[in-house]
Amino acid sequence: MISSSFDDKSCNTEDFVAALSLAANGVAVVTTNGASGKSGLTVSSMVSVCAEPALMLACVNTSNEFCKMADANQVFALNLLAEDQQDVSNTFAGFGDNPEIDRFTKGEWTTATTGSPILTNALVSLDCALVESREHGTHRVYIGRVLDVSSRKTAPLVYSQRSYVKLA
């Protein structure tokens, strides 16, 4: 970790969260599967790191069961959602009538190289081998080397100002 003269300083948490809620983000379901079990959740904090080698980054709250499973399984997949997949996003975010249901009953799923669940009609699916997992504050940062990629041309699911928005 880099140290600086600003180590004791940070902006107000509520102001930070409110300001970033104004940004438009793609929505993804991050999944893992292996000896430690299968898990998945909705995230909007994911981004490519670089193209050579192909690396992706995702952030997950440390309180989520996904963290222990992904760290043990050493694999994860990012399924970037299409605009018609709000129901998948909501299910994996734990919204709905029964948040205890098997989330993987929503949508059609398959696997690729790592065995992590891949949503067959996602906008983009990226199957990753875990390269690094590190805790920062309330979240774990996952960096994965992309082993397989699939995509389809359609509009993405976009989230901004705490709701889904359509691109013009």
C-alpha atoms as a PDB file:
ATOM      1  CA  MET A   1       0.000   0.000   0.000  1.00  0.00           C
ATOM      2  CA  ILE A   2       1.282   3.455  -0.857  1.00  0.00           C
ATOM      3  CA  SER A   3       1.641   5.831   2.055  1.00  0.00           C
ATOM      4  CA  SER A   4       1.198   9.594   1.809  1.00  0.00           C
ATOM      5  CA  SER A   5       0.597  12.659   3.930  1.00  0.00           C
ATOM      6  CA  PHE A   6      -3.134  12.223   3.206  1.00  0.00           C
ATOM      7  CA  ASP A   7      -3.507   8.801   4.901  1.00  0.00           C
ATOM      8  CA  ASP A   8      -5.733  10.219   7.680  1.00  0.00           C
ATOM      9  CA  LYS A   9      -8.007  12.157   5.338  1.00  0.00           C
ATOM     10  CA  SER A  10     -11.107  11.062   3.425  1.00  0.00           C
ATOM     11  CA  CYS A  11     -14.184  12.794   2.079  1.00  0.00           C
ATOM     12  CA  ASN A  12     -17.574  12.418   3.729  1.00  0.00           C
ATOM     13  CA  THR A  13     -18.945   8.914   2.976  1.00  0.00           C
ATOM     14  CA  GLU A  14     -22.514  10.071   2.292  1.00  0.00           C
ATOM     15  CA  ASP A  15     -21.306  12.777  -0.130  1.00  0.00           C
ATOM     16  CA  PHE A  16     -19.059  10.246  -1.890  1.00  0.00           C
ATOM     17  CA  VAL A  17     -21.845   7.674  -2.327  1.00  0.00           C
ATOM     18  CA  ALA A  18     -24.363  10.324  -3.472  1.00  0.00           C
ATOM     19  CA  ALA A  19     -21.929  11.769  -6.011  1.00  0.00           C
ATOM     20  CA  LEU A  20     -21.002   8.388  -7.519  1.00  0.00           C
ATOM     21  CA  SER A  21     -24.662   7.379  -7.753  1.00  0.00           C
ATOM     22  CA  LEU A  22     -24.895   9.989 -10.535  1.00  0.00           C
ATOM     23  CA  ALA A  23     -22.477   8.044 -12.740  1.00  0.00           C
ATOM     24  CA  ALA A  24     -23.847   5.643 -15.341  1.00  0.00           C
ATOM     25  CA  ASN A  25     -22.579   2.084 -14.904  1.00  0.00           C
ATOM     26  CA  GLY A  26     -23.041  -1.201 -16.645  1.00  0.00           C
ATOM     27  CA  VAL A  27     -24.553  -3.951 -14.516  1.00  0.00           C
ATOM     28  CA  ALA A  28     -23.028  -7.409 -14.149  1.00  0.00           C
ATOM     29  CA  VAL A  29     -23.663 -10.620 -12.284  1.00  0.00           C
ATOM     30  CA  VAL A  30     -20.388 -11.989 -10.952  1.00  0.00           C
ATOM     31  CA  THR A  31     -20.385 -15.746 -10.315  1.00  0.00           C
ATOM     32  CA  THR A  32     -18.112 -18.482  -9.013  1.00  0.00           C
ATOM     33  CA  ASN A  33     -18.334 -22.255  -8.780  1.00  0.00           C
ATOM     34  CA  GLY A  34     -16.018 -24.956  -7.527  1.00  0.00           C
ATOM     35  CA  ALA A  35     -15.250 -27.128  -4.523  1.00  0.00           C
ATOM     36  CA  SER A  36     -16.213 -24.267  -2.192  1.00  0.00           C
ATOM     37  CA  GLY A  37     -19.658 -23.881  -3.754  1.00  0.00           C
ATOM     38  CA  LYS A  38     -21.601 -21.780  -6.232  1.00  0.00           C
ATOM     39  CA  SER A  39     -22.469 -18.136  -5.650  1.00  0.00           C
ATOM     40  CA  GLY A  40     -23.364 -14.991  -7.548  1.00  0.00           C
ATOM     41  CA  LEU A  41     -24.393 -11.402  -7.006  1.00  0.00           C
ATOM     42  CA  THR A  42     -25.128  -8.202  -8.906  1.00  0.00           C
ATOM     43  CA  VAL A  43     -22.304  -5.656  -9.135  1.00  0.00           C
ATOM     44  CA  SER A  44     -21.790  -2.349 -10.883  1.00  0.00           C
ATOM     45  CA  SER A  45     -18.159  -1.987  -9.810  1.00  0.00           C
ATOM     46  CA  MET A  46     -16.288  -3.807 -12.561  1.00  0.00           C
ATOM     47  CA  VAL A  47     -13.896  -2.660 -15.235  1.00  0.00           C
ATOM     48  CA  SER A  48     -11.251  -3.931 -17.620  1.00  0.00           C
ATOM     49  CA  VAL A  49      -7.696  -3.577 -16.325  1.00  0.00           C
ATOM     50  CA  CYS A  50      -5.802  -4.198 -19.568  1.00  0.00           C
ATOM     51  CA  ALA A  51      -6.037  -6.060 -22.875  1.00  0.00           C
ATOM     52  CA  GLU A  52      -2.638  -7.824 -22.830  1.00  0.00           C
ATOM     53  CA  PRO A  53      -3.045  -9.927 -20.879  1.00  0.00           C
ATOM     54  CA  ALA A  54      -6.840  -9.613 -20.753  1.00  0.00           C
ATOM     55  CA  LEU A  55      -7.640  -8.739 -17.128  1.00  0.00           C
ATOM     56  CA  MET A  56     -10.907  -7.747 -15.425  1.00  0.00           C
ATOM     57  CA  LEU A  57     -11.514  -6.200 -12.013  1.00  0.00           C
ATOM     58  CA  ALA A  58     -14.619  -6.541  -9.835  1.00  0.00           C
ATOM     59  CA  CYS A  59     -15.371  -5.212  -6.342  1.00  0.00           C
ATOM     60  CA  VAL A  60     -17.535  -7.138  -3.858  1.00  0.00           C
ATOM     61  CA  ASN A  61     -18.579  -6.257  -0.302  1.00  0.00           C
ATOM     62  CA  THR A  62     -16.594  -8.471   2.085  1.00  0.00           C
ATOM     63  CA  SER A  63     -19.771  -9.471   3.949  1.00  0.00           C
ATOM     64  CA  ASN A  64     -21.044 -11.375   0.895  1.00  0.00           C
ATOM     65  CA  GLU A  65     -20.610 -15.184   0.865  1.00  0.00           C
ATOM     66  CA  PHE A  66     -19.198 -14.837  -2.657  1.00  0.00           C
ATOM     67  CA  CYS A  67     -15.860 -13.621  -1.260  1.00  0.00           C
ATOM     68  CA  LYS A  68     -14.964 -16.791   0.635  1.00  0.00           C
ATOM     69  CA  MET A  69     -16.153 -18.994  -2.224  1.00  0.00           C
ATOM     70  CA  ALA A  70     -14.325 -17.087  -4.992  1.00  0.00           C
ATOM     71  CA  ASP A  71     -11.122 -16.963  -2.958  1.00  0.00           C
ATOM     72  CA  ALA A  72     -11.299 -20.717  -2.381  1.00  0.00           C
ATOM     73  CA  ASN A  73     -12.459 -21.594  -5.928  1.00  0.00           C
ATOM     74  CA  GLN A  74      -9.849 -19.299  -7.515  1.00  0.00           C
ATOM     75  CA  VAL A  75     -12.248 -18.520 -10.410  1.00  0.00           C
ATOM     76  CA  PHE A  76     -15.067 -16.143 -11.274  1.00  0.00           C
ATOM     77  CA  ALA A  77     -17.108 -14.995 -14.270  1.00  0.00           C
ATOM     78  CA  LEU A  78     -18.490 -11.571 -15.072  1.00  0.00           C
ATOM     79  CA  ASN A  79     -21.807 -11.591 -16.919  1.00  0.00           C
ATOM     80  CA  LEU A  80     -22.521  -8.067 -18.198  1.00  0.00           C
ATOM     81  CA  LEU A  81     -26.269  -7.757 -18.555  1.00  0.00           C
ATOM     82  CA  ALA A  82     -28.362  -6.632 -21.516  1.00  0.00           C
ATOM     83  CA  GLU A  83     -31.114  -4.046 -21.057  1.00  0.00           C
ATOM     84  CA  ASP A  84     -33.804  -6.766 -21.045  1.00  0.00           C
ATOM     85  CA  GLN A  85     -32.202  -8.518 -18.028  1.00  0.00           C
ATOM     86  CA  GLN A  86     -33.358  -6.281 -15.176  1.00  0.00           C
ATOM     87  CA  ASP A  87     -35.060  -9.312 -13.609  1.00  0.00           C
ATOM     88  CA  VAL A  88     -31.735 -11.185 -13.471  1.00  0.00           C
ATOM     89  CA  SER A  89     -30.054  -8.129 -11.944  1.00  0.00           C
ATOM     90  CA  ASN A  90     -32.780  -7.749  -9.317  1.00  0.00           C
ATOM     91  CA  THR A  91     -32.755 -11.459  -8.447  1.00  0.00           C
ATOM     92  CA  PHE A  92     -28.982 -11.538  -7.930  1.00  0.00           C
ATOM     93  CA  ALA A  93     -29.191  -8.283  -5.940  1.00  0.00           C
ATOM     94  CA  GLY A  94     -31.584 -10.066  -3.540  1.00  0.00           C
ATOM     95  CA  PHE A  95     -34.694  -8.072  -4.515  1.00  0.00           C
ATOM     96  CA  GLY A  96     -38.063  -9.682  -5.053  1.00  0.00           C
ATOM     97  CA  ASP A  97     -40.644 -11.711  -3.221  1.00  0.00           C
ATOM     98  CA  ASN A  98     -38.256 -14.418  -2.021  1.00  0.00           C
ATOM     99  CA  PRO A  99     -34.578 -13.426  -1.791  1.00  0.00           C
ATOM    100  CA  GLU A 100     -33.753 -16.931  -0.485  1.00  0.00           C
ATOM    101  CA  ILE A 101     -34.542 -18.713  -3.779  1.00  0.00           C
ATOM    102  CA  ASP A 102     -31.828 -20.327  -5.869  1.00  0.00           C
ATOM    103  CA  ARG A 103     -30.815 -17.314  -7.937  1.00  0.00           C
ATOM    104  CA  PHE A 104     -29.541 -19.524 -10.751  1.00  0.00           C
ATOM    105  CA  THR A 105     -33.125 -20.532 -11.610  1.00  0.00           C
ATOM    106  CA  LYS A 106     -33.440 -17.055 -13.200  1.00  0.00           C
ATOM    107  CA  GLY A 107     -32.031 -17.124 -16.736  1.00  0.00           C
ATOM    108  CA  GLU A 108     -30.296 -19.875 -18.685  1.00  0.00           C
ATOM    109  CA  TRP A 109     -26.824 -20.835 -17.470  1.00  0.00           C
ATOM    110  CA  THR A 110     -23.888 -22.780 -18.844  1.00  0.00           C
ATOM    111  CA  THR A 111     -20.154 -22.927 -18.061  1.00  0.00           C
ATOM    112  CA  ALA A 112     -16.904 -22.324 -19.902  1.00  0.00           C
ATOM    113  CA  THR A 113     -13.297 -23.125 -18.950  1.00  0.00           C
ATOM    114  CA  THR A 114     -13.402 -22.431 -15.194  1.00  0.00           C
ATOM    115  CA  GLY A 115     -16.805 -23.916 -14.436  1.00  0.00           C
ATOM    116  CA  SER A 116     -18.154 -20.582 -13.190  1.00  0.00           C
ATOM    117  CA  PRO A 117     -21.757 -19.963 -14.259  1.00  0.00           C
ATOM    118  CA  ILE A 118     -22.102 -18.127 -17.599  1.00  0.00           C
ATOM    119  CA  LEU A 119     -25.438 -16.484 -18.468  1.00  0.00           C
ATOM    120  CA  THR A 120     -26.092 -17.754 -21.992  1.00  0.00           C
ATOM    121  CA  ASN A 121     -27.765 -14.578 -23.279  1.00  0.00           C
ATOM    122  CA  ALA A 122     -25.693 -11.984 -21.416  1.00  0.00           C
ATOM    123  CA  LEU A 123     -24.447  -8.947 -23.293  1.00  0.00           C
ATOM    124  CA  VAL A 124     -20.899 -10.103 -22.489  1.00  0.00           C
ATOM    125  CA  SER A 125     -19.586 -13.026 -20.434  1.00  0.00           C
ATOM    126  CA  LEU A 126     -15.981 -13.152 -19.248  1.00  0.00           C
ATOM    127  CA  ASP A 127     -14.724 -16.376 -17.651  1.00  0.00           C
ATOM    128  CA  CYS A 128     -11.752 -15.598 -15.379  1.00  0.00           C
ATOM    129  CA  ALA A 129      -9.021 -17.322 -13.390  1.00  0.00           C
ATOM    130  CA  LEU A 130      -8.346 -15.396 -10.183  1.00  0.00           C
ATOM    131  CA  VAL A 131      -5.043 -13.509 -10.311  1.00  0.00           C
ATOM    132  CA  GLU A 132      -5.400 -11.400  -7.180  1.00  0.00           C
ATOM    133  CA  SER A 133      -7.860 -10.827  -4.358  1.00  0.00           C
ATOM    134  CA  ARG A 134      -7.240  -8.051  -1.890  1.00  0.00           C
ATOM    135  CA  GLU A 135      -9.326  -6.359   0.784  1.00  0.00           C
ATOM    136  CA  HIS A 136      -9.677  -2.569   0.743  1.00  0.00           C
ATOM    137  CA  GLY A 137     -12.067  -1.001   3.248  1.00  0.00           C
ATOM    138  CA  THR A 138     -15.467  -2.705   3.087  1.00  0.00           C
ATOM    139  CA  HIS A 139     -14.759  -4.503  -0.211  1.00  0.00           C
ATOM    140  CA  ARG A 140     -12.566  -7.133  -1.820  1.00  0.00           C
ATOM    141  CA  VAL A 141     -11.020  -6.312  -5.168  1.00  0.00           C
ATOM    142  CA  TYR A 142     -10.838  -9.261  -7.554  1.00  0.00           C
ATOM    143  CA  ILE A 143      -8.597  -9.271 -10.594  1.00  0.00           C
ATOM    144  CA  GLY A 144      -9.029 -12.130 -13.026  1.00  0.00           C
ATOM    145  CA  ARG A 145      -7.286 -13.254 -16.216  1.00  0.00           C
ATOM    146  CA  VAL A 146      -9.937 -13.687 -18.899  1.00  0.00           C
ATOM    147  CA  LEU A 147      -9.832 -17.214 -20.333  1.00  0.00           C
ATOM    148  CA  ASP A 148     -13.031 -17.117 -22.397  1.00  0.00           C
ATOM    149  CA  VAL A 149     -15.241 -14.330 -23.717  1.00  0.00           C
ATOM    150  CA  SER A 150     -18.616 -14.346 -25.433  1.00  0.00           C
ATOM    151  CA  SER A 151     -20.823 -11.466 -26.505  1.00  0.00           C
ATOM    152  CA  ARG A 152     -23.928 -10.482 -28.405  1.00  0.00           C
ATOM    153  CA  LYS A 153     -24.807  -7.132 -29.943  1.00  0.00           C
ATOM    154  CA  THR A 154     -27.655  -5.514 -28.046  1.00  0.00           C
ATOM    155  CA  ALA A 155     -28.138  -2.604 -25.655  1.00  0.00           C
ATOM    156  CA  PRO A 156     -26.519  -2.859 -22.205  1.00  0.00           C
ATOM    157  CA  LEU A 157     -28.314  -2.653 -18.866  1.00  0.00           C
ATOM    158  CA  VAL A 158     -27.295   0.693 -17.373  1.00  0.00           C
ATOM    159  CA  TYR A 159     -27.709   1.889 -13.779  1.00  0.00           C
ATOM    160  CA  SER A 160     -27.593   5.536 -12.698  1.00  0.00           C
ATOM    161  CA  GLN A 161     -29.124   7.609  -9.900  1.00  0.00           C
ATOM    162  CA  ARG A 162     -30.203   4.397  -8.145  1.00  0.00           C
ATOM    163  CA  SER A 163     -32.335   3.121 -11.025  1.00  0.00           C
ATOM    164  CA  TYR A 164     -32.072   1.513 -14.447  1.00  0.00           C
ATOM    165  CA  VAL A 165     -31.849   3.920 -17.373  1.00  0.00           C
ATOM    166  CA  LYS A 166     -32.135   3.479 -21.134  1.00  0.00           C
ATOM    167  CA  LEU A 167     -29.523   4.795 -23.504  1.00  0.00           C
ATOM    168  CA  ALA A 168     -30.754   7.362 -26.020  1.00  0.00           C
END
